[in-house]
């Protein structure tokens, strides 16, 4: 009885390890998230301020 529990636990641990490795690979492939909209908004604000300052 205990042997079957040990086999099932080992199997579940192996599946969890494979899933963790696959998830880590996907996260590494995705890279760091960049807030594109915020960057564009700040650039537009800076351009507006520079334009206003030159008047």
PDB file of N, CA and C in Angstrom:
ATOM      1  N   UNK A   1       0.815  -1.194   0.000  1.00  0.00           N
ATOM      2  CA  UNK A   1       0.000   0.000   0.000  1.00  0.00           C
ATOM      3  C   UNK A   1       0.862   1.262   0.000  1.00  0.00           C
ATOM      4  N   UNK A   2       1.870   1.277   0.871  1.00  0.00           N
ATOM      5  CA  UNK A   2       2.722   2.457   0.936  1.00  0.00           C
ATOM      6  C   UNK A   2       3.544   2.630  -0.330  1.00  0.00           C
ATOM      7  N   UNK A   3       3.863   1.524  -0.993  1.00  0.00           N
ATOM      8  CA  UNK A   3       4.653   1.589  -2.226  1.00  0.00           C
ATOM      9  C   UNK A   3       3.857   2.280  -3.336  1.00  0.00           C
ATOM     10  N   UNK A   4       2.569   2.003  -3.399  1.00  0.00           N
ATOM     11  CA  UNK A   4       1.750   2.642  -4.429  1.00  0.00           C
ATOM     12  C   UNK A   4       1.642   4.145  -4.181  1.00  0.00           C
ATOM     13  N   UNK A   5       1.542   4.546  -2.918  1.00  0.00           N
ATOM     14  CA  UNK A   5       1.500   5.974  -2.591  1.00  0.00           C
ATOM     15  C   UNK A   5       2.822   6.644  -2.967  1.00  0.00           C
ATOM     16  N   UNK A   6       3.923   5.945  -2.730  1.00  0.00           N
ATOM     17  CA  UNK A   6       5.244   6.475  -3.074  1.00  0.00           C
ATOM     18  C   UNK A   6       5.393   6.630  -4.591  1.00  0.00           C
ATOM     19  N   UNK A   7       4.901   5.655  -5.345  1.00  0.00           N
ATOM     20  CA  UNK A   7       4.973   5.709  -6.807  1.00  0.00           C
ATOM     21  C   UNK A   7       4.126   6.865  -7.338  1.00  0.00           C
ATOM     22  N   UNK A   8       2.917   7.015  -6.812  1.00  0.00           N
ATOM     23  CA  UNK A   8       2.035   8.107  -7.242  1.00  0.00           C
ATOM     24  C   UNK A   8       2.663   9.457  -6.891  1.00  0.00           C
ATOM     25  N   UNK A   9       3.246   9.589  -5.699  1.00  0.00           N
ATOM     26  CA  UNK A   9       3.883  10.846  -5.288  1.00  0.00           C
ATOM     27  C   UNK A   9       5.055  11.180  -6.213  1.00  0.00           C
ATOM     28  N   UNK A  10       5.846  10.178  -6.565  1.00  0.00           N
ATOM     29  CA  UNK A  10       6.975  10.398  -7.464  1.00  0.00           C
ATOM     30  C   UNK A  10       6.495  10.801  -8.851  1.00  0.00           C
ATOM     31  N   UNK A  11       5.426  10.178  -9.309  1.00  0.00           N
ATOM     32  CA  UNK A  11       4.862  10.505 -10.619  1.00  0.00           C
ATOM     33  C   UNK A  11       4.344  11.949 -10.634  1.00  0.00           C
ATOM     34  N   UNK A  12       3.625  12.319  -9.582  1.00  0.00           N
ATOM     35  CA  UNK A  12       3.118  13.694  -9.504  1.00  0.00           C
ATOM     36  C   UNK A  12       4.257  14.713  -9.413  1.00  0.00           C
ATOM     37  N   UNK A  13       5.310  14.376  -8.698  1.00  0.00           N
ATOM     38  CA  UNK A  13       6.466  15.269  -8.596  1.00  0.00           C
ATOM     39  C   UNK A  13       7.142  15.434  -9.958  1.00  0.00           C
ATOM     40  N   UNK A  14       7.231  14.341 -10.714  1.00  0.00           N
ATOM     41  CA  UNK A  14       7.833  14.413 -12.043  1.00  0.00           C
ATOM     42  C   UNK A  14       6.991  15.279 -12.975  1.00  0.00           C
ATOM     43  N   UNK A  15       5.673  15.128 -12.928  1.00  0.00           N
ATOM     44  CA  UNK A  15       4.779  15.938 -13.758  1.00  0.00           C
ATOM     45  C   UNK A  15       4.894  17.411 -13.364  1.00  0.00           C
ATOM     46  N   UNK A  16       4.949  17.682 -12.066  1.00  0.00           N
ATOM     47  CA  UNK A  16       5.084  19.070 -11.596  1.00  0.00           C
ATOM     48  C   UNK A  16       6.404  19.673 -12.058  1.00  0.00           C
ATOM     49  N   UNK A  17       7.482  18.895 -12.036  1.00  0.00           N
ATOM     50  CA  UNK A  17       8.782  19.384 -12.478  1.00  0.00           C
ATOM     51  C   UNK A  17       8.774  19.711 -13.970  1.00  0.00           C
ATOM     52  N   UNK A  18       8.151  18.853 -14.761  1.00  0.00           N
ATOM     53  CA  UNK A  18       8.066  19.091 -16.209  1.00  0.00           C
ATOM     54  C   UNK A  18       7.243  20.358 -16.486  1.00  0.00           C
ATOM     55  N   UNK A  19       6.123  20.506 -15.779  1.00  0.00           N
ATOM     56  CA  UNK A  19       5.279  21.687 -15.983  1.00  0.00           C
ATOM     57  C   UNK A  19       5.990  22.963 -15.533  1.00  0.00           C
ATOM     58  N   UNK A  20       6.746  22.887 -14.439  1.00  0.00           N
ATOM     59  CA  UNK A  20       7.486  24.051 -13.960  1.00  0.00           C
ATOM     60  C   UNK A  20       8.568  24.453 -14.964  1.00  0.00           C
ATOM     61  N   UNK A  21       9.242  23.476 -15.536  1.00  0.00           N
ATOM     62  CA  UNK A  21      10.275  23.763 -16.531  1.00  0.00           C
ATOM     63  C   UNK A  21       9.665  24.391 -17.784  1.00  0.00           C
ATOM     64  N   UNK A  22       8.519  23.888 -18.192  1.00  0.00           N
ATOM     65  CA  UNK A  22       7.857  24.442 -19.375  1.00  0.00           C
ATOM     66  C   UNK A  22       7.389  25.871 -19.103  1.00  0.00           C
ATOM     67  N   UNK A  23       6.857  26.113 -17.927  1.00  0.00           N
ATOM     68  CA  UNK A  23       6.424  27.461 -17.569  1.00  0.00           C
ATOM     69  C   UNK A  23       7.580  28.432 -17.488  1.00  0.00           C
ATOM     70  N   UNK A  24       8.687  27.989 -16.919  1.00  0.00           N
ATOM     71  CA  UNK A  24       9.875  28.844 -16.822  1.00  0.00           C
ATOM     72  C   UNK A  24      10.402  29.196 -18.210  1.00  0.00           C
ATOM     73  N   UNK A  25      10.354  28.234 -19.116  1.00  0.00           N
ATOM     74  CA  UNK A  25      10.808  28.474 -20.488  1.00  0.00           C
ATOM     75  C   UNK A  25       9.919  29.513 -21.175  1.00  0.00           C
ATOM     76  N   UNK A  26       8.614  29.425 -20.968  1.00  0.00           N
ATOM     77  CA  UNK A  26       7.691  30.382 -21.581  1.00  0.00           C
ATOM     78  C   UNK A  26       7.889  31.782 -21.006  1.00  0.00           C
ATOM     79  N   UNK A  27       8.117  31.878 -19.710  1.00  0.00           N
ATOM     80  CA  UNK A  27       8.342  33.181 -19.089  1.00  0.00           C
ATOM     81  C   UNK A  27       9.639  33.792 -19.599  1.00  0.00           C
ATOM     82  N   UNK A  28      10.678  32.983 -19.733  1.00  0.00           N
ATOM     83  CA  UNK A  28      11.954  33.487 -20.237  1.00  0.00           C
ATOM     84  C   UNK A  28      11.815  33.961 -21.685  1.00  0.00           C
ATOM     85  N   UNK A  29      11.023  33.253 -22.476  1.00  0.00           N
ATOM     86  CA  UNK A  29      10.826  33.613 -23.879  1.00  0.00           C
ATOM     87  C   UNK A  29      10.025  34.913 -24.006  1.00  0.00           C
ATOM     88  N   UNK A  30       9.120  35.131 -23.069  1.00  0.00           N
ATOM     89  CA  UNK A  30       8.273  36.328 -23.128  1.00  0.00           C
ATOM     90  C   UNK A  30       9.080  37.599 -22.847  1.00  0.00           C
ATOM     91  N   UNK A  31      10.095  37.519 -22.015  1.00  0.00           N
ATOM     92  CA  UNK A  31      10.898  38.695 -21.704  1.00  0.00           C
ATOM     93  C   UNK A  31      10.202  39.592 -20.696  1.00  0.00           C
ATOM     94  N   UNK A  32      10.795  40.747 -20.489  1.00  0.00           N
ATOM     95  CA  UNK A  32      10.219  41.674 -19.520  1.00  0.00           C
ATOM     96  C   UNK A  32       9.116  42.492 -20.166  1.00  0.00           C
ATOM     97  N   UNK A  33       8.027  42.684 -19.462  1.00  0.00           N
ATOM     98  CA  UNK A  33       6.935  43.486 -20.031  1.00  0.00           C
ATOM     99  C   UNK A  33       7.293  44.964 -20.060  1.00  0.00           C
ATOM    100  N   UNK A  34       6.936  45.631 -21.143  1.00  0.00           N
ATOM    101  CA  UNK A  34       7.197  47.056 -21.293  1.00  0.00           C
ATOM    102  C   UNK A  34       5.867  47.782 -21.395  1.00  0.00           C
ATOM    103  N   UNK A  35       5.673  48.808 -20.572  1.00  0.00           N
ATOM    104  CA  UNK A  35       4.417  49.557 -20.635  1.00  0.00           C
ATOM    105  C   UNK A  35       4.429  50.519 -21.828  1.00  0.00           C
ATOM    106  N   UNK A  36       4.154  49.991 -23.006  1.00  0.00           N
ATOM    107  CA  UNK A  36       4.248  50.769 -24.242  1.00  0.00           C
ATOM    108  C   UNK A  36       3.367  52.019 -24.217  1.00  0.00           C
ATOM    109  N   UNK A  37       2.141  51.883 -23.746  1.00  0.00           N
ATOM    110  CA  UNK A  37       1.221  53.022 -23.750  1.00  0.00           C
ATOM    111  C   UNK A  37       1.730  54.122 -22.825  1.00  0.00           C
ATOM    112  N   UNK A  38       2.253  53.757 -21.675  1.00  0.00           N
ATOM    113  CA  UNK A  38       2.777  54.760 -20.740  1.00  0.00           C
ATOM    114  C   UNK A  38       3.999  55.465 -21.328  1.00  0.00           C
ATOM    115  N   UNK A  39       4.861  54.722 -21.982  1.00  0.00           N
ATOM    116  CA  UNK A  39       6.056  55.315 -22.595  1.00  0.00           C
ATOM    117  C   UNK A  39       5.653  56.298 -23.688  1.00  0.00           C
ATOM    118  N   UNK A  40       4.717  55.894 -24.527  1.00  0.00           N
ATOM    119  CA  UNK A  40       4.250  56.782 -25.597  1.00  0.00           C
ATOM    120  C   UNK A  40       3.598  58.035 -25.021  1.00  0.00           C
ATOM    121  N   UNK A  41       2.854  57.877 -23.947  1.00  0.00           N
ATOM    122  CA  UNK A  41       2.188  59.019 -23.315  1.00  0.00           C
ATOM    123  C   UNK A  41       3.208  60.001 -22.747  1.00  0.00           C
ATOM    124  N   UNK A  42       4.233  59.486 -22.105  1.00  0.00           N
ATOM    125  CA  UNK A  42       5.275  60.358 -21.545  1.00  0.00           C
ATOM    126  C   UNK A  42       6.029  61.072 -22.659  1.00  0.00           C
ATOM    127  N   UNK A  43       6.329  60.373 -23.731  1.00  0.00           N
ATOM    128  CA  UNK A  43       7.011  61.011 -24.859  1.00  0.00           C
ATOM    129  C   UNK A  43       6.163  62.131 -25.447  1.00  0.00           C
ATOM    130  N   UNK A  44       4.863  61.901 -25.555  1.00  0.00           N
ATOM    131  CA  UNK A  44       3.972  62.937 -26.074  1.00  0.00           C
ATOM    132  C   UNK A  44       3.919  64.123 -25.116  1.00  0.00           C
ATOM    133  N   UNK A  45       3.906  63.857 -23.817  1.00  0.00           N
ATOM    134  CA  UNK A  45       3.906  64.943 -22.830  1.00  0.00           C
ATOM    135  C   UNK A  45       5.179  65.771 -22.926  1.00  0.00           C
ATOM    136  N   UNK A  46       6.315  65.119 -23.041  1.00  0.00           N
ATOM    137  CA  UNK A  46       7.597  65.825 -23.148  1.00  0.00           C
ATOM    138  C   UNK A  46       7.633  66.666 -24.414  1.00  0.00           C
ATOM    139  N   UNK A  47       7.152  66.101 -25.524  1.00  0.00           N
ATOM    140  CA  UNK A  47       7.134  66.856 -26.776  1.00  0.00           C
ATOM    141  C   UNK A  47       6.229  68.079 -26.642  1.00  0.00           C
ATOM    142  N   UNK A  48       5.082  67.943 -26.002  1.00  0.00           N
ATOM    143  CA  UNK A  48       4.159  69.062 -25.793  1.00  0.00           C
ATOM    144  C   UNK A  48       4.790  70.135 -24.915  1.00  0.00           C
ATOM    145  N   UNK A  49       5.488  69.728 -23.874  1.00  0.00           N
ATOM    146  CA  UNK A  49       6.145  70.700 -22.995  1.00  0.00           C
ATOM    147  C   UNK A  49       7.244  71.443 -23.731  1.00  0.00           C
ATOM    148  N   UNK A  50       8.035  70.719 -24.515  1.00  0.00           N
ATOM    149  CA  UNK A  50       9.111  71.374 -25.283  1.00  0.00           C
ATOM    150  C   UNK A  50       8.529  72.360 -26.291  1.00  0.00           C
ATOM    151  N   UNK A  51       7.443  71.960 -26.946  1.00  0.00           N
ATOM    152  CA  UNK A  51       6.813  72.844 -27.933  1.00  0.00           C
ATOM    153  C   UNK A  51       6.254  74.086 -27.250  1.00  0.00           C
ATOM    154  N   UNK A  52       5.640  73.927 -26.109  1.00  0.00           N
ATOM    155  CA  UNK A  52       5.079  75.057 -25.381  1.00  0.00           C
ATOM    156  C   UNK A  52       6.176  75.972 -24.867  1.00  0.00           C
ATOM    157  N   UNK A  53       7.310  75.417 -24.454  1.00  0.00           N
ATOM    158  CA  UNK A  53       8.404  76.219 -23.918  1.00  0.00           C
ATOM    159  C   UNK A  53       9.075  77.060 -25.001  1.00  0.00           C
ATOM    160  N   UNK A  54       9.029  76.639 -26.255  1.00  0.00           N
ATOM    161  CA  UNK A  54       9.668  77.375 -27.344  1.00  0.00           C
ATOM    162  C   UNK A  54       8.817  78.521 -27.853  1.00  0.00           C
ATOM    163  N   UNK A  55       7.620  78.661 -27.399  1.00  0.00           N
ATOM    164  CA  UNK A  55       6.725  79.718 -27.884  1.00  0.00           C
ATOM    165  C   UNK A  55       6.971  81.007 -27.192  1.00  0.00           C
TER     166      UNK A  55
END
